[in-house]
Amino acid sequence: MMLFDLPLEKLREYRPERDEPADFDEFWARTLEEARALRKPPSFEPYDAGLATVEVFDVTFSGFGGHPIKAWLLLPRHIEGRLPCVVEYIGYGGGRGLAHERLTWSAAGYAHLVMDTRGQGSNGWISGDTPDPDADGAPQSPGFMTRGILDPKRYYYRRVFTDAVRAVETAREHPRIDPDRIVVAGVSQGGGITLAAAALADGVAAALCDVPFLCHYRRATEITDEMPYGEISQYCKTHRDHIDQVFATLRYFDGVNFAARATAPALFSVALMDMICPPSTVFAAYNHYAGEKSIEVWRYNGHEGGAGFQQAAQIRFLATLFGREVSAG
């Protein structure tokens, strides 16, 4: 790996002009209104995961189009009262996995809702359980980045970002969760979804955006050929006549535009040798972020970013925010 993007001093100043459609806010308000109109009460079914210190629930809630979306809810045992909750979104290709695979936040004393990502979870690293029934069947590059990309109303991430907001709203419906202390969090694709949820969901208390994907698409496709941004490049290489429409659609889903609307305290991370989510695309979102913010810079790392070191920073960040004691290193 090597440095390939702007120098760090330039990255800290990199704040490109935002490219957003005039009806951005109306588009998302209408999308969420339609989803909420199809809402059904969520189910929280007790699930025996064989864990002594964590209570597990198999969750089903209504997402985009009223579609059933799966999630895990993990609650630490032996802690009384309502808990702050981390709503987590998963990286590209992954699903919610198995309940015992994500224990950090419940071990730290938080409720933890892990949202399945519709249509994903079969790429060989973490499994998923939620289908994506609304695909339009149009030609696309392999993967999810160009699914429905010629029409913002049919684009894949319209459904995913709506699911993400509904996940926050679902967490608030559980009696053990403090509705005023909901945190949105994720790595890579999960970080990009986090930005959307932080902007679109009401009353989010904090955002943890770890090496976020789905930001500053045009620049990403021009400076890296790594996947998944490479899926967009492949599509445009093949469909030369659709390039303008591709990027017209992506304006509705750019993390830079969501960042400008998000006001919850946020902790970002960026890795300076990350060719999957180039540093300038992360800083584009970070520098436009409207709320109180800080960023951890991992100088010699690629897309793995800070990994466990970043998790420790996140634990300290939330402990400070919520006035909790923590002894993480």
C-alpha atoms as a PDB file:
ATOM      1  CA  MET A   1       0.000   0.000   0.000  1.00  0.00           C
ATOM      2  CA  MET A   2       1.044   3.572  -0.544  1.00  0.00           C
ATOM      3  CA  LEU A   3      -0.211   7.142  -0.280  1.00  0.00           C
ATOM      4  CA  PHE A   4      -2.069   7.960  -3.494  1.00  0.00           C
ATOM      5  CA  ASP A   5      -4.497  10.780  -2.657  1.00  0.00           C
ATOM      6  CA  LEU A   6      -3.986  14.363  -1.514  1.00  0.00           C
ATOM      7  CA  PRO A   7      -1.491  15.152   1.291  1.00  0.00           C
ATOM      8  CA  LEU A   8      -3.036  15.247   4.752  1.00  0.00           C
ATOM      9  CA  GLU A   9      -2.784  19.035   5.034  1.00  0.00           C
ATOM     10  CA  LYS A  10      -4.749  19.354   1.773  1.00  0.00           C
ATOM     11  CA  LEU A  11      -7.254  16.711   2.860  1.00  0.00           C
ATOM     12  CA  ARG A  12      -8.059  18.660   6.002  1.00  0.00           C
ATOM     13  CA  GLU A  13      -9.013  21.606   3.762  1.00  0.00           C
ATOM     14  CA  TYR A  14     -10.728  19.594   1.035  1.00  0.00           C
ATOM     15  CA  ARG A  15     -14.320  20.803   0.889  1.00  0.00           C
ATOM     16  CA  PRO A  16     -15.604  20.412  -2.667  1.00  0.00           C
ATOM     17  CA  GLU A  17     -18.741  22.147  -3.808  1.00  0.00           C
ATOM     18  CA  ARG A  18     -21.743  19.921  -3.170  1.00  0.00           C
ATOM     19  CA  ASP A  19     -23.730  18.659  -6.136  1.00  0.00           C
ATOM     20  CA  GLU A  20     -27.301  18.035  -5.065  1.00  0.00           C
ATOM     21  CA  PRO A  21     -30.698  18.178  -6.791  1.00  0.00           C
ATOM     22  CA  ALA A  22     -33.116  20.959  -5.918  1.00  0.00           C
ATOM     23  CA  ASP A  23     -35.691  18.460  -4.662  1.00  0.00           C
ATOM     24  CA  PHE A  24     -33.279  16.483  -2.443  1.00  0.00           C
ATOM     25  CA  ASP A  25     -35.165  17.152   0.799  1.00  0.00           C
ATOM     26  CA  GLU A  26     -38.565  16.671  -0.809  1.00  0.00           C
ATOM     27  CA  PHE A  27     -37.429  13.374  -2.353  1.00  0.00           C
ATOM     28  CA  TRP A  28     -36.398  11.971   1.009  1.00  0.00           C
ATOM     29  CA  ALA A  29     -39.353  13.359   2.947  1.00  0.00           C
ATOM     30  CA  ARG A  30     -41.721  11.738   0.474  1.00  0.00           C
ATOM     31  CA  THR A  31     -39.769   8.469   0.523  1.00  0.00           C
ATOM     32  CA  LEU A  32     -39.902   8.207   4.316  1.00  0.00           C
ATOM     33  CA  GLU A  33     -43.541   9.233   4.483  1.00  0.00           C
ATOM     34  CA  GLU A  34     -44.441   6.433   2.068  1.00  0.00           C
ATOM     35  CA  ALA A  35     -42.462   3.889   4.090  1.00  0.00           C
ATOM     36  CA  ARG A  36     -44.020   4.930   7.392  1.00  0.00           C
ATOM     37  CA  ALA A  37     -47.494   4.667   5.886  1.00  0.00           C
ATOM     38  CA  LEU A  38     -46.809   0.954   5.257  1.00  0.00           C
ATOM     39  CA  ARG A  39     -45.348   0.321   8.707  1.00  0.00           C
ATOM     40  CA  LYS A  40     -46.377  -2.737  10.683  1.00  0.00           C
ATOM     41  CA  PRO A  41     -45.521  -3.201  14.374  1.00  0.00           C
ATOM     42  CA  PRO A  42     -42.025  -4.670  14.786  1.00  0.00           C
ATOM     43  CA  SER A  43     -41.528  -8.068  16.360  1.00  0.00           C
ATOM     44  CA  PHE A  44     -38.844  -8.787  18.961  1.00  0.00           C
ATOM     45  CA  GLU A  45     -38.688 -12.567  19.329  1.00  0.00           C
ATOM     46  CA  PRO A  46     -36.478 -13.977  22.111  1.00  0.00           C
ATOM     47  CA  TYR A  47     -33.622 -15.958  20.569  1.00  0.00           C
ATOM     48  CA  ASP A  48     -31.442 -18.541  22.291  1.00  0.00           C
ATOM     49  CA  ALA A  49     -27.908 -17.758  21.135  1.00  0.00           C
ATOM     50  CA  GLY A  50     -26.326 -19.588  24.073  1.00  0.00           C
ATOM     51  CA  LEU A  51     -24.999 -16.344  25.572  1.00  0.00           C
ATOM     52  CA  ALA A  52     -24.914 -15.945  29.349  1.00  0.00           C
ATOM     53  CA  THR A  53     -24.355 -12.189  29.543  1.00  0.00           C
ATOM     54  CA  VAL A  54     -26.450 -10.980  26.592  1.00  0.00           C
ATOM     55  CA  GLU A  55     -30.170 -11.256  25.911  1.00  0.00           C
ATOM     56  CA  VAL A  56     -30.855 -11.666  22.193  1.00  0.00           C
ATOM     57  CA  PHE A  57     -33.946 -10.873  20.130  1.00  0.00           C
ATOM     58  CA  ASP A  58     -34.581 -11.794  16.516  1.00  0.00           C
ATOM     59  CA  VAL A  59     -36.126  -8.593  15.128  1.00  0.00           C
ATOM     60  CA  THR A  60     -38.354  -8.032  12.113  1.00  0.00           C
ATOM     61  CA  PHE A  61     -39.433  -4.511  11.174  1.00  0.00           C
ATOM     62  CA  SER A  62     -40.988  -2.728   8.203  1.00  0.00           C
ATOM     63  CA  GLY A  63     -38.535  -0.997   5.891  1.00  0.00           C
ATOM     64  CA  PHE A  64     -38.900   0.550   2.469  1.00  0.00           C
ATOM     65  CA  GLY A  65     -42.139  -0.479   0.792  1.00  0.00           C
ATOM     66  CA  GLY A  66     -43.258  -2.148   4.007  1.00  0.00           C
ATOM     67  CA  HIS A  67     -40.760  -4.934   3.257  1.00  0.00           C
ATOM     68  CA  PRO A  68     -39.783  -7.075   6.270  1.00  0.00           C
ATOM     69  CA  ILE A  69     -36.209  -6.341   7.374  1.00  0.00           C
ATOM     70  CA  LYS A  70     -34.316  -8.558   9.795  1.00  0.00           C
ATOM     71  CA  ALA A  71     -32.101  -7.380  12.647  1.00  0.00           C
ATOM     72  CA  TRP A  72     -30.596  -8.571  15.905  1.00  0.00           C
ATOM     73  CA  LEU A  73     -31.192  -6.768  19.162  1.00  0.00           C
ATOM     74  CA  LEU A  74     -28.652  -7.525  21.880  1.00  0.00           C
ATOM     75  CA  LEU A  75     -29.250  -6.321  25.447  1.00  0.00           C
ATOM     76  CA  PRO A  76     -26.681  -6.716  28.240  1.00  0.00           C
ATOM     77  CA  ARG A  77     -28.102  -8.710  31.131  1.00  0.00           C
ATOM     78  CA  HIS A  78     -28.024  -7.456  34.735  1.00  0.00           C
ATOM     79  CA  ILE A  79     -28.258  -3.747  33.817  1.00  0.00           C
ATOM     80  CA  GLU A  80     -31.397  -2.003  34.990  1.00  0.00           C
ATOM     81  CA  GLY A  81     -33.294   0.813  33.300  1.00  0.00           C
ATOM     82  CA  ARG A  82     -33.370   2.122  29.768  1.00  0.00           C
ATOM     83  CA  LEU A  83     -30.163   1.835  27.782  1.00  0.00           C
ATOM     84  CA  PRO A  84     -28.530   3.927  25.095  1.00  0.00           C
ATOM     85  CA  CYS A  85     -28.605   1.977  21.828  1.00  0.00           C
ATOM     86  CA  VAL A  86     -26.108   1.629  18.987  1.00  0.00           C
ATOM     87  CA  VAL A  87     -27.862   0.943  15.683  1.00  0.00           C
ATOM     88  CA  GLU A  88     -25.247  -0.645  13.438  1.00  0.00           C
ATOM     89  CA  TYR A  89     -25.156  -0.896   9.645  1.00  0.00           C
ATOM     90  CA  ILE A  90     -22.985  -3.483   7.918  1.00  0.00           C
ATOM     91  CA  GLY A  91     -20.183  -3.200   5.355  1.00  0.00           C
ATOM     92  CA  TYR A  92     -20.630  -3.957   1.665  1.00  0.00           C
ATOM     93  CA  GLY A  93     -21.743  -7.480   0.867  1.00  0.00           C
ATOM     94  CA  GLY A  94     -22.391  -8.455   4.475  1.00  0.00           C
ATOM     95  CA  GLY A  95     -25.544  -9.174   6.438  1.00  0.00           C
ATOM     96  CA  ARG A  96     -26.421  -9.216  10.108  1.00  0.00           C
ATOM     97  CA  GLY A  97     -24.534 -12.491  10.580  1.00  0.00           C
ATOM     98  CA  LEU A  98     -25.029 -14.555  13.725  1.00  0.00           C
ATOM     99  CA  ALA A  99     -25.934 -12.985  17.036  1.00  0.00           C
ATOM    100  CA  HIS A 100     -22.708 -13.968  18.788  1.00  0.00           C
ATOM    101  CA  GLU A 101     -20.517 -12.365  16.103  1.00  0.00           C
ATOM    102  CA  ARG A 102     -21.119  -8.762  17.239  1.00  0.00           C
ATOM    103  CA  LEU A 103     -20.778  -8.474  21.017  1.00  0.00           C
ATOM    104  CA  THR A 104     -18.678  -5.332  21.495  1.00  0.00           C
ATOM    105  CA  TRP A 105     -21.466  -2.853  22.161  1.00  0.00           C
ATOM    106  CA  SER A 106     -23.502  -5.066  24.476  1.00  0.00           C
ATOM    107  CA  ALA A 107     -20.274  -5.869  26.361  1.00  0.00           C
ATOM    108  CA  ALA A 108     -19.776  -2.114  26.757  1.00  0.00           C
ATOM    109  CA  GLY A 109     -23.236  -1.801  28.316  1.00  0.00           C
ATOM    110  CA  TYR A 110     -25.265  -0.621  25.327  1.00  0.00           C
ATOM    111  CA  ALA A 111     -28.294  -1.998  23.609  1.00  0.00           C
ATOM    112  CA  HIS A 112     -27.205  -2.976  20.108  1.00  0.00           C
ATOM    113  CA  LEU A 113     -29.466  -3.296  17.073  1.00  0.00           C
ATOM    114  CA  VAL A 114     -27.692  -4.815  14.045  1.00  0.00           C
ATOM    115  CA  MET A 115     -29.613  -4.170  10.821  1.00  0.00           C
ATOM    116  CA  ASP A 116     -29.498  -6.720   8.032  1.00  0.00           C
ATOM    117  CA  THR A 117     -28.762  -5.177   4.627  1.00  0.00           C
ATOM    118  CA  ARG A 118     -31.394  -6.222   2.114  1.00  0.00           C
ATOM    119  CA  GLY A 119     -30.122  -8.486  -0.630  1.00  0.00           C
ATOM    120  CA  GLN A 120     -26.628  -8.749   0.853  1.00  0.00           C
ATOM    121  CA  GLY A 121     -24.976 -11.310   3.087  1.00  0.00           C
ATOM    122  CA  SER A 122     -23.738 -13.976   0.645  1.00  0.00           C
ATOM    123  CA  ASN A 123     -20.228 -12.777  -0.170  1.00  0.00           C
ATOM    124  CA  GLY A 124     -18.383 -15.293   1.970  1.00  0.00           C
ATOM    125  CA  TRP A 125     -17.784 -13.345   5.178  1.00  0.00           C
ATOM    126  CA  ILE A 126     -21.008 -12.648   7.065  1.00  0.00           C
ATOM    127  CA  SER A 127     -24.473 -13.959   6.305  1.00  0.00           C
ATOM    128  CA  GLY A 128     -27.727 -12.115   5.701  1.00  0.00           C
ATOM    129  CA  ASP A 129     -31.411 -13.024   5.898  1.00  0.00           C
ATOM    130  CA  THR A 130     -33.309 -10.204   4.146  1.00  0.00           C
ATOM    131  CA  PRO A 131     -34.252 -10.309   0.434  1.00  0.00           C
ATOM    132  CA  ASP A 132     -34.518  -7.226  -1.771  1.00  0.00           C
ATOM    133  CA  PRO A 133     -37.881  -7.740  -3.509  1.00  0.00           C
ATOM    134  CA  ASP A 134     -37.981  -4.379  -5.290  1.00  0.00           C
ATOM    135  CA  ALA A 135     -35.163  -4.716  -7.831  1.00  0.00           C
ATOM    136  CA  ASP A 136     -36.206  -3.484 -11.277  1.00  0.00           C
ATOM    137  CA  GLY A 137     -34.289  -6.103 -13.267  1.00  0.00           C
ATOM    138  CA  ALA A 138     -32.508  -3.572 -15.499  1.00  0.00           C
ATOM    139  CA  PRO A 139     -28.948  -4.342 -16.669  1.00  0.00           C
ATOM    140  CA  GLN A 140     -26.348  -3.672 -13.968  1.00  0.00           C
ATOM    141  CA  SER A 141     -22.767  -4.382 -13.049  1.00  0.00           C
ATOM    142  CA  PRO A 142     -22.307  -7.313 -10.653  1.00  0.00           C
ATOM    143  CA  GLY A 143     -22.971  -6.100  -7.117  1.00  0.00           C
ATOM    144  CA  PHE A 144     -25.355  -3.461  -5.802  1.00  0.00           C
ATOM    145  CA  MET A 145     -23.912  -0.101  -6.838  1.00  0.00           C
ATOM    146  CA  THR A 146     -25.700   0.128 -10.193  1.00  0.00           C
ATOM    147  CA  ARG A 147     -28.951  -1.652  -9.296  1.00  0.00           C
ATOM    148  CA  GLY A 148     -31.663   0.694 -10.571  1.00  0.00           C
ATOM    149  CA  ILE A 149     -29.133   3.476 -11.124  1.00  0.00           C
ATOM    150  CA  LEU A 150     -30.970   5.202 -13.986  1.00  0.00           C
ATOM    151  CA  ASP A 151     -33.870   6.266 -11.756  1.00  0.00           C
ATOM    152  CA  PRO A 152     -33.502   7.676  -8.205  1.00  0.00           C
ATOM    153  CA  LYS A 153     -36.855   6.160  -7.271  1.00  0.00           C
ATOM    154  CA  ARG A 154     -35.635   2.672  -8.213  1.00  0.00           C
ATOM    155  CA  TYR A 155     -32.043   2.961  -7.029  1.00  0.00           C
ATOM    156  CA  TYR A 156     -30.983   0.282  -4.553  1.00  0.00           C
ATOM    157  CA  TYR A 157     -29.754   2.647  -1.848  1.00  0.00           C
ATOM    158  CA  ARG A 158     -33.096   4.433  -1.690  1.00  0.00           C
ATOM    159  CA  ARG A 159     -34.405   1.233  -0.172  1.00  0.00           C
ATOM    160  CA  VAL A 160     -31.389   0.665   2.085  1.00  0.00           C
ATOM    161  CA  PHE A 161     -31.282   4.208   3.468  1.00  0.00           C
ATOM    162  CA  THR A 162     -35.007   4.053   4.170  1.00  0.00           C
ATOM    163  CA  ASP A 163     -34.496   0.754   6.007  1.00  0.00           C
ATOM    164  CA  ALA A 164     -31.769   2.462   8.045  1.00  0.00           C
ATOM    165  CA  VAL A 165     -34.106   5.230   9.232  1.00  0.00           C
ATOM    166  CA  ARG A 166     -36.785   2.705  10.051  1.00  0.00           C
ATOM    167  CA  ALA A 167     -34.216   0.743  12.096  1.00  0.00           C
ATOM    168  CA  VAL A 168     -33.684   3.814  14.294  1.00  0.00           C
ATOM    169  CA  GLU A 169     -37.429   4.226  14.681  1.00  0.00           C
ATOM    170  CA  THR A 170     -37.770   0.528  15.506  1.00  0.00           C
ATOM    171  CA  ALA A 171     -35.112   0.736  18.230  1.00  0.00           C
ATOM    172  CA  ARG A 172     -37.123   3.510  19.864  1.00  0.00           C
ATOM    173  CA  GLU A 173     -40.127   1.197  20.147  1.00  0.00           C
ATOM    174  CA  HIS A 174     -38.392  -1.264  22.471  1.00  0.00           C
ATOM    175  CA  PRO A 175     -39.109  -0.574  26.168  1.00  0.00           C
ATOM    176  CA  ARG A 176     -35.497  -1.174  27.273  1.00  0.00           C
ATOM    177  CA  ILE A 177     -34.073   1.461  24.916  1.00  0.00           C
ATOM    178  CA  ASP A 178     -33.778   5.146  25.740  1.00  0.00           C
ATOM    179  CA  PRO A 179     -35.307   6.883  22.684  1.00  0.00           C
ATOM    180  CA  ASP A 180     -33.172   9.987  23.269  1.00  0.00           C
ATOM    181  CA  ARG A 181     -29.857   8.108  23.171  1.00  0.00           C
ATOM    182  CA  ILE A 182     -29.806   6.388  19.789  1.00  0.00           C
ATOM    183  CA  VAL A 183     -26.409   6.176  18.083  1.00  0.00           C
ATOM    184  CA  VAL A 184     -25.951   5.254  14.419  1.00  0.00           C
ATOM    185  CA  ALA A 185     -22.742   3.473  13.466  1.00  0.00           C
ATOM    186  CA  GLY A 186     -21.041   1.559  10.707  1.00  0.00           C
ATOM    187  CA  VAL A 187     -17.855   0.780   8.796  1.00  0.00           C
ATOM    188  CA  SER A 188     -17.393   1.381   5.050  1.00  0.00           C
ATOM    189  CA  GLN A 189     -20.831   0.864   3.468  1.00  0.00           C
ATOM    190  CA  GLY A 190     -22.119   0.954   7.028  1.00  0.00           C
ATOM    191  CA  GLY A 191     -20.424   4.326   7.472  1.00  0.00           C
ATOM    192  CA  GLY A 192     -22.134   5.689   4.381  1.00  0.00           C
ATOM    193  CA  ILE A 193     -25.488   4.393   5.595  1.00  0.00           C
ATOM    194  CA  THR A 194     -24.709   6.013   8.960  1.00  0.00           C
ATOM    195  CA  LEU A 195     -24.398   9.422   7.303  1.00  0.00           C
ATOM    196  CA  ALA A 196     -27.771   8.982   5.615  1.00  0.00           C
ATOM    197  CA  ALA A 197     -29.429   7.856   8.848  1.00  0.00           C
ATOM    198  CA  ALA A 198     -27.849  10.706  10.822  1.00  0.00           C
ATOM    199  CA  ALA A 199     -29.326  13.191   8.354  1.00  0.00           C
ATOM    200  CA  LEU A 200     -32.739  11.596   7.831  1.00  0.00           C
ATOM    201  CA  ALA A 201     -33.702  10.135  11.217  1.00  0.00           C
ATOM    202  CA  ASP A 202     -35.014  12.476  13.895  1.00  0.00           C
ATOM    203  CA  GLY A 203     -33.143  12.984  17.145  1.00  0.00           C
ATOM    204  CA  VAL A 204     -30.046  10.856  16.584  1.00  0.00           C
ATOM    205  CA  ALA A 205     -27.692  11.336  19.547  1.00  0.00           C
ATOM    206  CA  ALA A 206     -24.390  10.508  17.820  1.00  0.00           C
ATOM    207  CA  ALA A 207     -22.881   9.118  14.625  1.00  0.00           C
ATOM    208  CA  LEU A 208     -19.866   6.829  14.309  1.00  0.00           C
ATOM    209  CA  CYS A 209     -18.708   6.996  10.669  1.00  0.00           C
ATOM    210  CA  ASP A 210     -15.810   4.596  10.178  1.00  0.00           C
ATOM    211  CA  VAL A 211     -13.970   4.860   6.801  1.00  0.00           C
ATOM    212  CA  PRO A 212     -17.313   5.742   5.158  1.00  0.00           C
ATOM    213  CA  PHE A 213     -18.186   4.548   1.663  1.00  0.00           C
ATOM    214  CA  LEU A 214     -20.895   6.053  -0.611  1.00  0.00           C
ATOM    215  CA  CYS A 215     -19.387   9.547  -0.564  1.00  0.00           C
ATOM    216  CA  HIS A 216     -18.263  11.900  -3.358  1.00  0.00           C
ATOM    217  CA  TYR A 217     -18.985   9.324  -6.064  1.00  0.00           C
ATOM    218  CA  ARG A 218     -17.625  11.268  -9.033  1.00  0.00           C
ATOM    219  CA  ARG A 219     -14.174  11.741  -7.529  1.00  0.00           C
ATOM    220  CA  ALA A 220     -14.104   8.183  -6.194  1.00  0.00           C
ATOM    221  CA  THR A 221     -14.680   6.727  -9.654  1.00  0.00           C
ATOM    222  CA  GLU A 222     -11.972   8.981 -11.118  1.00  0.00           C
ATOM    223  CA  ILE A 223      -9.145   8.176  -8.684  1.00  0.00           C
ATOM    224  CA  THR A 224      -9.627   4.491  -7.839  1.00  0.00           C
ATOM    225  CA  ASP A 225     -10.578   1.405  -9.819  1.00  0.00           C
ATOM    226  CA  GLU A 226     -11.066  -0.691  -6.688  1.00  0.00           C
ATOM    227  CA  MET A 227     -14.453  -2.253  -6.059  1.00  0.00           C
ATOM    228  CA  PRO A 228     -17.180  -1.401  -5.187  1.00  0.00           C
ATOM    229  CA  TYR A 229     -16.783   2.083  -6.741  1.00  0.00           C
ATOM    230  CA  GLY A 230     -15.384   0.190  -9.721  1.00  0.00           C
ATOM    231  CA  GLU A 231     -18.853  -1.200 -10.357  1.00  0.00           C
ATOM    232  CA  ILE A 232     -19.979   2.304 -11.319  1.00  0.00           C
ATOM    233  CA  SER A 233     -16.943   2.764 -13.555  1.00  0.00           C
ATOM    234  CA  GLN A 234     -17.607  -0.565 -15.275  1.00  0.00           C
ATOM    235  CA  TYR A 235     -21.225   0.373 -15.868  1.00  0.00           C
ATOM    236  CA  CYS A 236     -20.260   3.747 -17.342  1.00  0.00           C
ATOM    237  CA  LYS A 237     -17.583   2.119 -19.475  1.00  0.00           C
ATOM    238  CA  THR A 238     -20.251  -0.139 -20.968  1.00  0.00           C
ATOM    239  CA  HIS A 239     -23.191   2.274 -21.015  1.00  0.00           C
ATOM    240  CA  ARG A 240     -21.389   5.318 -22.381  1.00  0.00           C
ATOM    241  CA  ASP A 241     -24.691   7.001 -23.140  1.00  0.00           C
ATOM    242  CA  HIS A 242     -25.920   6.806 -19.525  1.00  0.00           C
ATOM    243  CA  ILE A 243     -23.100   8.560 -17.667  1.00  0.00           C
ATOM    244  CA  ASP A 244     -24.967  11.820 -17.065  1.00  0.00           C
ATOM    245  CA  GLN A 245     -28.018   9.993 -15.725  1.00  0.00           C
ATOM    246  CA  VAL A 246     -25.867   7.779 -13.484  1.00  0.00           C
ATOM    247  CA  PHE A 247     -24.419  10.772 -11.667  1.00  0.00           C
ATOM    248  CA  ALA A 248     -27.741  12.619 -11.685  1.00  0.00           C
ATOM    249  CA  THR A 249     -29.154   9.688  -9.703  1.00  0.00           C
ATOM    250  CA  LEU A 250     -26.189   9.471  -7.347  1.00  0.00           C
ATOM    251  CA  ARG A 251     -26.655  13.104  -6.256  1.00  0.00           C
ATOM    252  CA  TYR A 252     -29.611  11.911  -4.156  1.00  0.00           C
ATOM    253  CA  PHE A 253     -27.447   9.331  -2.352  1.00  0.00           C
ATOM    254  CA  ASP A 254     -24.135  11.091  -1.782  1.00  0.00           C
ATOM    255  CA  GLY A 255     -22.859  11.037   1.788  1.00  0.00           C
ATOM    256  CA  VAL A 256     -21.495  14.546   1.276  1.00  0.00           C
ATOM    257  CA  ASN A 257     -25.054  15.859   0.900  1.00  0.00           C
ATOM    258  CA  PHE A 258     -26.274  13.900   3.907  1.00  0.00           C
ATOM    259  CA  ALA A 259     -23.307  15.127   5.971  1.00  0.00           C
ATOM    260  CA  ALA A 260     -24.330  18.722   5.355  1.00  0.00           C
ATOM    261  CA  ARG A 261     -27.697  17.961   7.003  1.00  0.00           C
ATOM    262  CA  ALA A 262     -26.494  15.877   9.962  1.00  0.00           C
ATOM    263  CA  THR A 263     -26.070  17.659  13.296  1.00  0.00           C
ATOM    264  CA  ALA A 264     -25.452  14.900  15.868  1.00  0.00           C
ATOM    265  CA  PRO A 265     -21.963  14.767  17.417  1.00  0.00           C
ATOM    266  CA  ALA A 266     -19.853  12.545  15.160  1.00  0.00           C
ATOM    267  CA  LEU A 267     -16.630  10.566  15.266  1.00  0.00           C
ATOM    268  CA  PHE A 268     -15.194   9.756  11.835  1.00  0.00           C
ATOM    269  CA  SER A 269     -12.189   7.741  10.779  1.00  0.00           C
ATOM    270  CA  VAL A 270     -10.082   7.779   7.626  1.00  0.00           C
ATOM    271  CA  ALA A 271      -7.149   5.677   6.438  1.00  0.00           C
ATOM    272  CA  LEU A 272      -4.613   7.443   4.236  1.00  0.00           C
ATOM    273  CA  MET A 273      -3.713   4.320   2.223  1.00  0.00           C
ATOM    274  CA  ASP A 274      -7.329   3.305   1.648  1.00  0.00           C
ATOM    275  CA  MET A 275      -7.874   2.751  -2.075  1.00  0.00           C
ATOM    276  CA  ILE A 276     -11.416   1.403  -1.558  1.00  0.00           C
ATOM    277  CA  CYS A 277     -12.715   4.560   0.145  1.00  0.00           C
ATOM    278  CA  PRO A 278     -10.154   7.194  -0.887  1.00  0.00           C
ATOM    279  CA  PRO A 279      -9.261   9.682   1.854  1.00  0.00           C
ATOM    280  CA  SER A 280     -10.470  12.710  -0.120  1.00  0.00           C
ATOM    281  CA  THR A 281     -13.956  11.191  -0.393  1.00  0.00           C
ATOM    282  CA  VAL A 282     -14.063  10.724   3.378  1.00  0.00           C
ATOM    283  CA  PHE A 283     -12.798  14.237   4.064  1.00  0.00           C
ATOM    284  CA  ALA A 284     -15.317  15.644   1.574  1.00  0.00           C
ATOM    285  CA  ALA A 285     -18.087  14.298   3.819  1.00  0.00           C
ATOM    286  CA  TYR A 286     -16.286  15.126   7.062  1.00  0.00           C
ATOM    287  CA  ASN A 287     -15.552  18.724   6.112  1.00  0.00           C
ATOM    288  CA  HIS A 288     -19.181  19.287   5.123  1.00  0.00           C
ATOM    289  CA  TYR A 289     -20.547  17.610   8.263  1.00  0.00           C
ATOM    290  CA  ALA A 290     -22.823  20.115  10.001  1.00  0.00           C
ATOM    291  CA  GLY A 291     -22.522  18.886  13.588  1.00  0.00           C
ATOM    292  CA  GLU A 292     -19.760  18.794  16.180  1.00  0.00           C
ATOM    293  CA  LYS A 293     -17.163  16.365  14.842  1.00  0.00           C
ATOM    294  CA  SER A 294     -13.724  14.816  15.150  1.00  0.00           C
ATOM    295  CA  ILE A 295     -11.774  12.400  12.983  1.00  0.00           C
ATOM    296  CA  GLU A 296      -9.208   9.687  13.683  1.00  0.00           C
ATOM    297  CA  VAL A 297      -6.539   9.536  10.954  1.00  0.00           C
ATOM    298  CA  TRP A 298      -4.851   6.183  10.371  1.00  0.00           C
ATOM    299  CA  ARG A 299      -1.762   7.081   8.365  1.00  0.00           C
ATOM    300  CA  TYR A 300      -0.402   3.659   7.410  1.00  0.00           C
ATOM    301  CA  ASN A 301      -3.625   1.731   6.999  1.00  0.00           C
ATOM    302  CA  GLY A 302      -5.798   0.727   4.103  1.00  0.00           C
ATOM    303  CA  HIS A 303      -9.498  -0.008   4.251  1.00  0.00           C
ATOM    304  CA  GLU A 304      -9.115  -1.901   7.517  1.00  0.00           C
ATOM    305  CA  GLY A 305      -8.639   1.532   9.072  1.00  0.00           C
ATOM    306  CA  GLY A 306      -8.151   1.586  12.815  1.00  0.00           C
ATOM    307  CA  ALA A 307     -10.048  -1.683  13.433  1.00  0.00           C
ATOM    308  CA  GLY A 308      -9.889  -2.432  17.182  1.00  0.00           C
ATOM    309  CA  PHE A 309      -8.110   0.859  17.876  1.00  0.00           C
ATOM    310  CA  GLN A 310     -11.021   2.728  16.284  1.00  0.00           C
ATOM    311  CA  GLN A 311     -13.516   0.719  18.329  1.00  0.00           C
ATOM    312  CA  ALA A 312     -11.677   1.741  21.496  1.00  0.00           C
ATOM    313  CA  ALA A 313     -11.874   5.380  20.392  1.00  0.00           C
ATOM    314  CA  GLN A 314     -15.599   4.981  19.736  1.00  0.00           C
ATOM    315  CA  ILE A 315     -16.187   3.500  23.196  1.00  0.00           C
ATOM    316  CA  ARG A 316     -14.386   6.459  24.793  1.00  0.00           C
ATOM    317  CA  PHE A 317     -16.280   8.911  22.567  1.00  0.00           C
ATOM    318  CA  LEU A 318     -19.698   7.595  23.602  1.00  0.00           C
ATOM    319  CA  ALA A 319     -18.674   7.286  27.249  1.00  0.00           C
ATOM    320  CA  THR A 320     -17.767  10.980  27.252  1.00  0.00           C
ATOM    321  CA  LEU A 321     -20.947  11.907  25.401  1.00  0.00           C
ATOM    322  CA  PHE A 322     -23.214   9.990  27.764  1.00  0.00           C
ATOM    323  CA  GLY A 323     -21.243  10.636  30.974  1.00  0.00           C
ATOM    324  CA  ARG A 324     -20.302   6.994  31.510  1.00  0.00           C
ATOM    325  CA  GLU A 325     -17.149   5.564  33.034  1.00  0.00           C
ATOM    326  CA  VAL A 326     -14.830   3.609  30.745  1.00  0.00           C
ATOM    327  CA  SER A 327     -11.322   2.211  31.082  1.00  0.00           C
ATOM    328  CA  ALA A 328     -10.650   1.423  27.411  1.00  0.00           C
ATOM    329  CA  GLY A 329      -7.009   1.961  26.501  1.00  0.00           C
END
